Amino acid sequence: MLRVQTDNGEVRVDFVHVRFHKDEDSESNNHHAITYCLVQNGDGSLRNGIALCSVRDNFDRAIGRKLSLTRALRGLDKPTRTSVWNKYFTVSKRR
């Protein structure tokens, strides 16, 4: 979990990665991984972002985290988004 102190209070960010194993008998699963991002804003509101990884792509946690975090932060003010991204890049590998 990532915790960021902002002017609006503490923002919490958490990621979950889910990988699917393709069933040879099933053609209904077009994705082999999903990354969820849950952001709890200082006011208690929740935002989520989802990144889907196609079966044709290689699963990459860093890419999934960036995409899902970008989507979860939509609608938040720029100073909050900037603070979250700065903290994200200080605790994760730059990529």
PDB file of N, CA and C in Angstrom:
ATOM      1  N   MET A   1       0.842  -1.180   0.000  1.00  0.00           N
ATOM      2  CA  MET A   1       0.000   0.000   0.000  1.00  0.00           C
ATOM      3  C   MET A   1       0.883   1.237   0.000  1.00  0.00           C
ATOM      4  N   LEU A   2       0.470   2.202  -0.758  1.00  0.00           N
ATOM      5  CA  LEU A   2       1.170   3.475  -0.872  1.00  0.00           C
ATOM      6  C   LEU A   2       0.348   4.528  -0.130  1.00  0.00           C
ATOM      7  N   ARG A   3       0.989   5.276   0.746  1.00  0.00           N
ATOM      8  CA  ARG A   3       0.298   6.341   1.490  1.00  0.00           C
ATOM      9  C   ARG A   3       0.968   7.666   1.178  1.00  0.00           C
ATOM     10  N   VAL A   4       0.146   8.649   0.828  1.00  0.00           N
ATOM     11  CA  VAL A   4       0.639   9.963   0.434  1.00  0.00           C
ATOM     12  C   VAL A   4      -0.095  11.024   1.236  1.00  0.00           C
ATOM     13  N   GLN A   5       0.659  11.891   1.859  1.00  0.00           N
ATOM     14  CA  GLN A   5       0.059  13.005   2.603  1.00  0.00           C
ATOM     15  C   GLN A   5      -0.140  14.178   1.650  1.00  0.00           C
ATOM     16  N   THR A   6      -1.368  14.679   1.550  1.00  0.00           N
ATOM     17  CA  THR A   6      -1.680  15.818   0.684  1.00  0.00           C
ATOM     18  C   THR A   6      -2.380  16.894   1.507  1.00  0.00           C
ATOM     19  N   ASP A   7      -2.669  18.021   0.876  1.00  0.00           N
ATOM     20  CA  ASP A   7      -3.396  19.094   1.546  1.00  0.00           C
ATOM     21  C   ASP A   7      -4.809  18.656   1.935  1.00  0.00           C
ATOM     22  N   ASN A   8      -5.345  17.681   1.212  1.00  0.00           N
ATOM     23  CA  ASN A   8      -6.702  17.186   1.476  1.00  0.00           C
ATOM     24  C   ASN A   8      -6.720  15.984   2.408  1.00  0.00           C
ATOM     25  N   GLY A   9      -5.592  15.642   2.999  1.00  0.00           N
ATOM     26  CA  GLY A   9      -5.504  14.484   3.880  1.00  0.00           C
ATOM     27  C   GLY A   9      -4.692  13.374   3.242  1.00  0.00           C
ATOM     28  N   GLU A  10      -4.732  12.214   3.879  1.00  0.00           N
ATOM     29  CA  GLU A  10      -3.949  11.086   3.387  1.00  0.00           C
ATOM     30  C   GLU A  10      -4.661  10.377   2.244  1.00  0.00           C
ATOM     31  N   VAL A  11      -3.904  10.080   1.193  1.00  0.00           N
ATOM     32  CA  VAL A  11      -4.409   9.307   0.060  1.00  0.00           C
ATOM     33  C   VAL A  11      -3.744   7.939   0.125  1.00  0.00           C
ATOM     34  N   ARG A  12      -4.565   6.885   0.025  1.00  0.00           N
ATOM     35  CA  ARG A  12      -4.043   5.517   0.044  1.00  0.00           C
ATOM     36  C   ARG A  12      -4.239   4.883  -1.318  1.00  0.00           C
ATOM     37  N   VAL A  13      -3.199   4.206  -1.765  1.00  0.00           N
ATOM     38  CA  VAL A  13      -3.237   3.547  -3.070  1.00  0.00           C
ATOM     39  C   VAL A  13      -2.852   2.084  -2.873  1.00  0.00           C
ATOM     40  N   ASP A  14      -3.640   1.192  -3.457  1.00  0.00           N
ATOM     41  CA  ASP A  14      -3.337  -0.231  -3.368  1.00  0.00           C
ATOM     42  C   ASP A  14      -3.560  -0.873  -4.731  1.00  0.00           C
ATOM     43  N   PHE A  15      -2.729  -1.866  -5.047  1.00  0.00           N
ATOM     44  CA  PHE A  15      -2.811  -2.575  -6.320  1.00  0.00           C
ATOM     45  C   PHE A  15      -3.063  -4.052  -6.076  1.00  0.00           C
ATOM     46  N   VAL A  16      -3.818  -4.655  -7.002  1.00  0.00           N
ATOM     47  CA  VAL A  16      -4.033  -6.097  -7.001  1.00  0.00           C
ATOM     48  C   VAL A  16      -3.845  -6.575  -8.434  1.00  0.00           C
ATOM     49  N   HIS A  17      -3.038  -7.616  -8.591  1.00  0.00           N
ATOM     50  CA  HIS A  17      -2.820  -8.225  -9.900  1.00  0.00           C
ATOM     51  C   HIS A  17      -3.482  -9.595  -9.909  1.00  0.00           C
ATOM     52  N   VAL A  18      -4.265  -9.871 -10.952  1.00  0.00           N
ATOM     53  CA  VAL A  18      -4.935 -11.157 -11.098  1.00  0.00           C
ATOM     54  C   VAL A  18      -4.545 -11.736 -12.445  1.00  0.00           C
ATOM     55  N   ARG A  19      -4.015 -12.947 -12.416  1.00  0.00           N
ATOM     56  CA  ARG A  19      -3.632 -13.619 -13.662  1.00  0.00           C
ATOM     57  C   ARG A  19      -4.554 -14.805 -13.894  1.00  0.00           C
ATOM     58  N   PHE A  20      -4.931 -14.979 -15.149  1.00  0.00           N
ATOM     59  CA  PHE A  20      -5.801 -16.082 -15.537  1.00  0.00           C
ATOM     60  C   PHE A  20      -4.991 -17.083 -16.350  1.00  0.00           C
ATOM     61  N   HIS A  21      -5.333 -18.327 -16.186  1.00  0.00           N
ATOM     62  CA  HIS A  21      -4.734 -19.365 -17.015  1.00  0.00           C
ATOM     63  C   HIS A  21      -5.778 -19.769 -18.039  1.00  0.00           C
ATOM     64  N   LYS A  22      -5.425 -19.626 -19.293  1.00  0.00           N
ATOM     65  CA  LYS A  22      -6.386 -19.879 -20.356  1.00  0.00           C
ATOM     66  C   LYS A  22      -6.787 -21.350 -20.369  1.00  0.00           C
ATOM     67  N   ASP A  23      -8.081 -21.550 -20.311  1.00  0.00           N
ATOM     68  CA  ASP A  23      -8.634 -22.889 -20.405  1.00  0.00           C
ATOM     69  C   ASP A  23      -8.675 -23.256 -21.886  1.00  0.00           C
ATOM     70  N   GLU A  24      -8.105 -24.374 -22.225  1.00  0.00           N
ATOM     71  CA  GLU A  24      -8.017 -24.759 -23.633  1.00  0.00           C
ATOM     72  C   GLU A  24      -9.393 -24.937 -24.261  1.00  0.00           C
ATOM     73  N   ASP A  25     -10.390 -25.255 -23.453  1.00  0.00           N
ATOM     74  CA  ASP A  25     -11.735 -25.479 -23.983  1.00  0.00           C
ATOM     75  C   ASP A  25     -12.559 -24.200 -24.073  1.00  0.00           C
ATOM     76  N   SER A  26     -12.053 -23.103 -23.526  1.00  0.00           N
ATOM     77  CA  SER A  26     -12.838 -21.871 -23.459  1.00  0.00           C
ATOM     78  C   SER A  26     -12.225 -20.788 -24.328  1.00  0.00           C
ATOM     79  N   GLU A  27     -13.051 -20.175 -25.138  1.00  0.00           N
ATOM     80  CA  GLU A  27     -12.610 -19.041 -25.967  1.00  0.00           C
ATOM     81  C   GLU A  27     -13.142 -17.726 -25.426  1.00  0.00           C
ATOM     82  N   SER A  28     -13.841 -17.751 -24.279  1.00  0.00           N
ATOM     83  CA  SER A  28     -14.492 -16.550 -23.765  1.00  0.00           C
ATOM     84  C   SER A  28     -13.535 -15.608 -23.045  1.00  0.00           C
ATOM     85  N   ASN A  29     -12.360 -16.072 -22.627  1.00  0.00           N
ATOM     86  CA  ASN A  29     -11.433 -15.241 -21.875  1.00  0.00           C
ATOM     87  C   ASN A  29     -10.445 -14.572 -22.832  1.00  0.00           C
ATOM     88  N   ASN A  30     -10.622 -13.268 -23.075  1.00  0.00           N
ATOM     89  CA  ASN A  30      -9.746 -12.528 -23.981  1.00  0.00           C
ATOM     90  C   ASN A  30      -8.605 -11.839 -23.259  1.00  0.00           C
ATOM     91  N   HIS A  31      -8.533 -11.968 -21.954  1.00  0.00           N
ATOM     92  CA  HIS A  31      -7.492 -11.314 -21.158  1.00  0.00           C
ATOM     93  C   HIS A  31      -6.802 -12.361 -20.298  1.00  0.00           C
ATOM     94  N   HIS A  32      -5.499 -12.192 -20.118  1.00  0.00           N
ATOM     95  CA  HIS A  32      -4.837 -13.155 -19.256  1.00  0.00           C
ATOM     96  C   HIS A  32      -4.360 -12.526 -17.957  1.00  0.00           C
ATOM     97  N   ALA A  33      -4.561 -11.212 -17.799  1.00  0.00           N
ATOM     98  CA  ALA A  33      -4.238 -10.569 -16.526  1.00  0.00           C
ATOM     99  C   ALA A  33      -5.002  -9.263 -16.393  1.00  0.00           C
ATOM    100  N   ILE A  34      -5.303  -8.912 -15.146  1.00  0.00           N
ATOM    101  CA  ILE A  34      -5.963  -7.646 -14.827  1.00  0.00           C
ATOM    102  C   ILE A  34      -5.222  -7.028 -13.651  1.00  0.00           C
ATOM    103  N   THR A  35      -5.000  -5.725 -13.721  1.00  0.00           N
ATOM    104  CA  THR A  35      -4.442  -4.991 -12.590  1.00  0.00           C
ATOM    105  C   THR A  35      -5.503  -4.008 -12.103  1.00  0.00           C
ATOM    106  N   TYR A  36      -5.832  -4.114 -10.823  1.00  0.00           N
ATOM    107  CA  TYR A  36      -6.777  -3.204 -10.186  1.00  0.00           C
ATOM    108  C   TYR A  36      -6.000  -2.206  -9.347  1.00  0.00           C
ATOM    109  N   CYS A  37      -6.449  -0.961  -9.367  1.00  0.00           N
ATOM    110  CA  CYS A  37      -5.897   0.059  -8.489  1.00  0.00           C
ATOM    111  C   CYS A  37      -7.058   0.679  -7.723  1.00  0.00           C
ATOM    112  N   LEU A  38      -6.920   0.736  -6.418  1.00  0.00           N
ATOM    113  CA  LEU A  38      -7.932   1.354  -5.563  1.00  0.00           C
ATOM    114  C   LEU A  38      -7.294   2.539  -4.861  1.00  0.00           C
ATOM    115  N   VAL A  39      -7.903   3.717  -5.011  1.00  0.00           N
ATOM    116  CA  VAL A  39      -7.412   4.946  -4.393  1.00  0.00           C
ATOM    117  C   VAL A  39      -8.460   5.438  -3.417  1.00  0.00           C
ATOM    118  N   GLN A  40      -8.059   5.586  -2.163  1.00  0.00           N
ATOM    119  CA  GLN A  40      -8.947   6.179  -1.159  1.00  0.00           C
ATOM    120  C   GLN A  40      -8.456   7.592  -0.916  1.00  0.00           C
ATOM    121  N   ASN A  41      -9.289   8.556  -1.263  1.00  0.00           N
ATOM    122  CA  ASN A  41      -8.941   9.965  -1.140  1.00  0.00           C
ATOM    123  C   ASN A  41      -9.046  10.403   0.319  1.00  0.00           C
ATOM    124  N   GLY A  42      -8.458  11.546   0.625  1.00  0.00           N
ATOM    125  CA  GLY A  42      -8.459  12.067   1.983  1.00  0.00           C
ATOM    126  C   GLY A  42      -9.849  12.283   2.557  1.00  0.00           C
ATOM    127  N   ASP A  43     -10.841  12.500   1.692  1.00  0.00           N
ATOM    128  CA  ASP A  43     -12.209  12.710   2.167  1.00  0.00           C
ATOM    129  C   ASP A  43     -12.978  11.395   2.325  1.00  0.00           C
ATOM    130  N   GLY A  44     -12.295  10.270   2.093  1.00  0.00           N
ATOM    131  CA  GLY A  44     -12.932   8.965   2.249  1.00  0.00           C
ATOM    132  C   GLY A  44     -13.517   8.393   0.971  1.00  0.00           C
ATOM    133  N   SER A  45     -13.565   9.182  -0.102  1.00  0.00           N
ATOM    134  CA  SER A  45     -14.114   8.673  -1.349  1.00  0.00           C
ATOM    135  C   SER A  45     -13.150   7.660  -1.977  1.00  0.00           C
ATOM    136  N   LEU A  46     -13.726   6.713  -2.703  1.00  0.00           N
ATOM    137  CA  LEU A  46     -12.943   5.668  -3.353  1.00  0.00           C
ATOM    138  C   LEU A  46     -12.978   5.848  -4.859  1.00  0.00           C
ATOM    139  N   ARG A  47     -11.846   5.574  -5.473  1.00  0.00           N
ATOM    140  CA  ARG A  47     -11.736   5.592  -6.932  1.00  0.00           C
ATOM    141  C   ARG A  47     -11.021   4.322  -7.331  1.00  0.00           C
ATOM    142  N   ASN A  48     -11.376   3.791  -8.490  1.00  0.00           N
ATOM    143  CA  ASN A  48     -10.670   2.614  -8.955  1.00  0.00           C
ATOM    144  C   ASN A  48     -10.262   2.764 -10.411  1.00  0.00           C
ATOM    145  N   GLY A  49      -9.236   2.034 -10.774  1.00  0.00           N
ATOM    146  CA  GLY A  49      -8.763   1.987 -12.147  1.00  0.00           C
ATOM    147  C   GLY A  49      -8.430   0.546 -12.477  1.00  0.00           C
ATOM    148  N   ILE A  50      -8.650   0.180 -13.721  1.00  0.00           N
ATOM    149  CA  ILE A  50      -8.416  -1.189 -14.157  1.00  0.00           C
ATOM    150  C   ILE A  50      -7.585  -1.167 -15.428  1.00  0.00           C
ATOM    151  N   ALA A  51      -6.591  -2.063 -15.496  1.00  0.00           N
ATOM    152  CA  ALA A  51      -5.808  -2.263 -16.705  1.00  0.00           C
ATOM    153  C   ALA A  51      -5.933  -3.728 -17.101  1.00  0.00           C
ATOM    154  N   LEU A  52      -6.348  -3.966 -18.332  1.00  0.00           N
ATOM    155  CA  LEU A  52      -6.514  -5.319 -18.836  1.00  0.00           C
ATOM    156  C   LEU A  52      -5.343  -5.674 -19.743  1.00  0.00           C
ATOM    157  N   CYS A  53      -4.822  -6.862 -19.573  1.00  0.00           N
ATOM    158  CA  CYS A  53      -3.717  -7.335 -20.403  1.00  0.00           C
ATOM    159  C   CYS A  53      -4.264  -8.395 -21.357  1.00  0.00           C
ATOM    160  N   SER A  54      -4.130  -8.145 -22.632  1.00  0.00           N
ATOM    161  CA  SER A  54      -4.618  -9.059 -23.652  1.00  0.00           C
ATOM    162  C   SER A  54      -3.807 -10.356 -23.638  1.00  0.00           C
ATOM    163  N   VAL A  55      -4.403 -11.434 -24.139  1.00  0.00           N
ATOM    164  CA  VAL A  55      -3.679 -12.698 -24.236  1.00  0.00           C
ATOM    165  C   VAL A  55      -2.527 -12.595 -25.219  1.00  0.00           C
ATOM    166  N   ARG A  56      -2.563 -11.595 -26.090  1.00  0.00           N
ATOM    167  CA  ARG A  56      -1.482 -11.420 -27.072  1.00  0.00           C
ATOM    168  C   ARG A  56      -0.302 -10.646 -26.498  1.00  0.00           C
ATOM    169  N   ASP A  57      -0.449 -10.062 -25.306  1.00  0.00           N
ATOM    170  CA  ASP A  57       0.604  -9.257 -24.694  1.00  0.00           C
ATOM    171  C   ASP A  57       1.303 -10.026 -23.581  1.00  0.00           C
ATOM    172  N   ASN A  58       2.508  -9.590 -23.266  1.00  0.00           N
ATOM    173  CA  ASN A  58       3.214 -10.109 -22.104  1.00  0.00           C
ATOM    174  C   ASN A  58       2.785  -9.306 -20.885  1.00  0.00           C
ATOM    175  N   PHE A  59       2.473 -10.016 -19.808  1.00  0.00           N
ATOM    176  CA  PHE A  59       2.050  -9.344 -18.582  1.00  0.00           C
ATOM    177  C   PHE A  59       3.236  -8.601 -17.966  1.00  0.00           C
ATOM    178  N   ASP A  60       3.018  -7.340 -17.621  1.00  0.00           N
ATOM    179  CA  ASP A  60       4.052  -6.516 -16.995  1.00  0.00           C
ATOM    180  C   ASP A  60       3.396  -5.732 -15.863  1.00  0.00           C
ATOM    181  N   ARG A  61       3.781  -6.042 -14.630  1.00  0.00           N
ATOM    182  CA  ARG A  61       3.163  -5.398 -13.468  1.00  0.00           C
ATOM    183  C   ARG A  61       3.327  -3.885 -13.494  1.00  0.00           C
ATOM    184  N   ALA A  62       4.502  -3.404 -13.892  1.00  0.00           N
ATOM    185  CA  ALA A  62       4.755  -1.956 -13.896  1.00  0.00           C
ATOM    186  C   ALA A  62       3.818  -1.233 -14.855  1.00  0.00           C
ATOM    187  N   ILE A  63       3.626  -1.792 -16.030  1.00  0.00           N
ATOM    188  CA  ILE A  63       2.715  -1.171 -17.007  1.00  0.00           C
ATOM    189  C   ILE A  63       1.283  -1.208 -16.481  1.00  0.00           C
ATOM    190  N   GLY A  64       0.870  -2.339 -15.925  1.00  0.00           N
ATOM    191  CA  GLY A  64      -0.478  -2.454 -15.363  1.00  0.00           C
ATOM    192  C   GLY A  64      -0.715  -1.469 -14.244  1.00  0.00           C
ATOM    193  N   ARG A  65       0.290  -1.292 -13.382  1.00  0.00           N
ATOM    194  CA  ARG A  65       0.151  -0.331 -12.282  1.00  0.00           C
ATOM    195  C   ARG A  65       0.020   1.097 -12.800  1.00  0.00           C
ATOM    196  N   LYS A  66       0.840   1.464 -13.762  1.00  0.00           N
ATOM    197  CA  LYS A  66       0.786   2.834 -14.291  1.00  0.00           C
ATOM    198  C   LYS A  66      -0.558   3.111 -14.963  1.00  0.00           C
ATOM    199  N   LEU A  67      -1.020   2.168 -15.779  1.00  0.00           N
ATOM    200  CA  LEU A  67      -2.305   2.370 -16.460  1.00  0.00           C
ATOM    201  C   LEU A  67      -3.461   2.442 -15.467  1.00  0.00           C
ATOM    202  N   SER A  68      -3.502   1.509 -14.524  1.00  0.00           N
ATOM    203  CA  SER A  68      -4.622   1.501 -13.579  1.00  0.00           C
ATOM    204  C   SER A  68      -4.569   2.705 -12.636  1.00  0.00           C
ATOM    205  N   LEU A  69      -3.368   3.133 -12.248  1.00  0.00           N
ATOM    206  CA  LEU A  69      -3.251   4.316 -11.393  1.00  0.00           C
ATOM    207  C   LEU A  69      -3.683   5.572 -12.145  1.00  0.00           C
ATOM    208  N   THR A  70      -3.278   5.687 -13.392  1.00  0.00           N
ATOM    209  CA  THR A  70      -3.701   6.835 -14.212  1.00  0.00           C
ATOM    210  C   THR A  70      -5.221   6.912 -14.267  1.00  0.00           C
ATOM    211  N   ARG A  71      -5.859   5.788 -14.469  1.00  0.00           N
ATOM    212  CA  ARG A  71      -7.321   5.759 -14.565  1.00  0.00           C
ATOM    213  C   ARG A  71      -7.990   6.033 -13.221  1.00  0.00           C
ATOM    214  N   ALA A  72      -7.391   5.565 -12.142  1.00  0.00           N
ATOM    215  CA  ALA A  72      -7.970   5.788 -10.817  1.00  0.00           C
ATOM    216  C   ALA A  72      -7.844   7.244 -10.374  1.00  0.00           C
ATOM    217  N   LEU A  73      -6.812   7.936 -10.849  1.00  0.00           N
ATOM    218  CA  LEU A  73      -6.586   9.321 -10.425  1.00  0.00           C
ATOM    219  C   LEU A  73      -7.383  10.343 -11.238  1.00  0.00           C
ATOM    220  N   ARG A  74      -8.046   9.912 -12.268  1.00  0.00           N
ATOM    221  CA  ARG A  74      -8.844  10.846 -13.081  1.00  0.00           C
ATOM    222  C   ARG A  74      -9.871  11.542 -12.200  1.00  0.00           C
ATOM    223  N   GLY A  75      -9.983  12.822 -12.370  1.00  0.00           N
ATOM    224  CA  GLY A  75     -10.970  13.584 -11.613  1.00  0.00           C
ATOM    225  C   GLY A  75     -10.436  14.186 -10.329  1.00  0.00           C
ATOM    226  N   LEU A  76      -9.264  13.745  -9.877  1.00  0.00           N
ATOM    227  CA  LEU A  76      -8.672  14.368  -8.689  1.00  0.00           C
ATOM    228  C   LEU A  76      -7.920  15.630  -9.117  1.00  0.00           C
ATOM    229  N   ASP A  77      -7.735  16.543  -8.174  1.00  0.00           N
ATOM    230  CA  ASP A  77      -7.048  17.785  -8.514  1.00  0.00           C
ATOM    231  C   ASP A  77      -5.573  17.516  -8.827  1.00  0.00           C
ATOM    232  N   LYS A  78      -4.982  18.422  -9.606  1.00  0.00           N
ATOM    233  CA  LYS A  78      -3.609  18.229 -10.068  1.00  0.00           C
ATOM    234  C   LYS A  78      -2.586  18.118  -8.934  1.00  0.00           C
ATOM    235  N   PRO A  79      -2.649  18.939  -7.872  1.00  0.00           N
ATOM    236  CA  PRO A  79      -1.668  18.772  -6.792  1.00  0.00           C
ATOM    237  C   PRO A  79      -1.716  17.380  -6.143  1.00  0.00           C
ATOM    238  N   THR A  80      -2.911  16.822  -5.997  1.00  0.00           N
ATOM    239  CA  THR A  80      -3.048  15.486  -5.424  1.00  0.00           C
ATOM    240  C   THR A  80      -2.456  14.445  -6.364  1.00  0.00           C
ATOM    241  N   ARG A  81      -2.791  14.541  -7.661  1.00  0.00           N
ATOM    242  CA  ARG A  81      -2.238  13.603  -8.637  1.00  0.00           C
ATOM    243  C   ARG A  81      -0.723  13.673  -8.673  1.00  0.00           C
ATOM    244  N   THR A  82      -0.178  14.887  -8.648  1.00  0.00           N
ATOM    245  CA  THR A  82       1.273  15.064  -8.668  1.00  0.00           C
ATOM    246  C   THR A  82       1.926  14.443  -7.444  1.00  0.00           C
ATOM    247  N   SER A  83       1.337  14.651  -6.269  1.00  0.00           N
ATOM    248  CA  SER A  83       1.879  14.078  -5.037  1.00  0.00           C
ATOM    249  C   SER A  83       1.880  12.551  -5.092  1.00  0.00           C
ATOM    250  N   VAL A  84       0.801  11.978  -5.600  1.00  0.00           N
ATOM    251  CA  VAL A  84       0.709  10.518  -5.692  1.00  0.00           C
ATOM    252  C   VAL A  84       1.767   9.979  -6.652  1.00  0.00           C
ATOM    253  N   TRP A  85       1.892  10.610  -7.830  1.00  0.00           N
ATOM    254  CA  TRP A  85       2.886  10.139  -8.798  1.00  0.00           C
ATOM    255  C   TRP A  85       4.311  10.303  -8.263  1.00  0.00           C
ATOM    256  N   ASN A  86       4.600  11.391  -7.594  1.00  0.00           N
ATOM    257  CA  ASN A  86       5.941  11.575  -7.014  1.00  0.00           C
ATOM    258  C   ASN A  86       6.269  10.481  -6.011  1.00  0.00           C
ATOM    259  N   LYS A  87       5.309  10.160  -5.150  1.00  0.00           N
ATOM    260  CA  LYS A  87       5.511   9.100  -4.170  1.00  0.00           C
ATOM    261  C   LYS A  87       5.651   7.744  -4.861  1.00  0.00           C
ATOM    262  N   TYR A  88       4.824   7.507  -5.868  1.00  0.00           N
ATOM    263  CA  TYR A  88       4.878   6.249  -6.611  1.00  0.00           C
ATOM    264  C   TYR A  88       6.275   6.030  -7.190  1.00  0.00           C
ATOM    265  N   PHE A  89       6.830   7.060  -7.808  1.00  0.00           N
ATOM    266  CA  PHE A  89       8.136   6.904  -8.449  1.00  0.00           C
ATOM    267  C   PHE A  89       9.283   6.843  -7.449  1.00  0.00           C
ATOM    268  N   THR A  90       9.084   7.324  -6.219  1.00  0.00           N
ATOM    269  CA  THR A  90      10.157   7.203  -5.234  1.00  0.00           C
ATOM    270  C   THR A  90      10.187   5.805  -4.611  1.00  0.00           C
ATOM    271  N   VAL A  91       9.060   5.108  -4.575  1.00  0.00           N
ATOM    272  CA  VAL A  91       9.041   3.791  -3.949  1.00  0.00           C
ATOM    273  C   VAL A  91       9.087   2.637  -4.948  1.00  0.00           C
ATOM    274  N   SER A  92       8.844   2.917  -6.223  1.00  0.00           N
ATOM    275  CA  SER A  92       8.878   1.847  -7.222  1.00  0.00           C
ATOM    276  C   SER A  92      10.088   2.026  -8.126  1.00  0.00           C
ATOM    277  N   LYS A  93      10.382   0.986  -8.853  1.00  0.00           N
ATOM    278  CA  LYS A  93      11.478   1.073  -9.816  1.00  0.00           C
ATOM    279  C   LYS A  93      11.042   1.994 -10.954  1.00  0.00           C
ATOM    280  N   ARG A  94      11.919   2.879 -11.346  1.00  0.00           N
ATOM    281  CA  ARG A  94      11.601   3.750 -12.500  1.00  0.00           C
ATOM    282  C   ARG A  94      11.597   2.923 -13.744  1.00  0.00           C
ATOM    283  N   ARG A  95      10.529   3.096 -14.507  1.00  0.00           N
ATOM    284  CA  ARG A  95      10.415   2.340 -15.730  1.00  0.00           C
ATOM    285  C   ARG A  95       9.632   3.066 -16.754  1.00  0.00           C
TER     286      ARG A  95
END
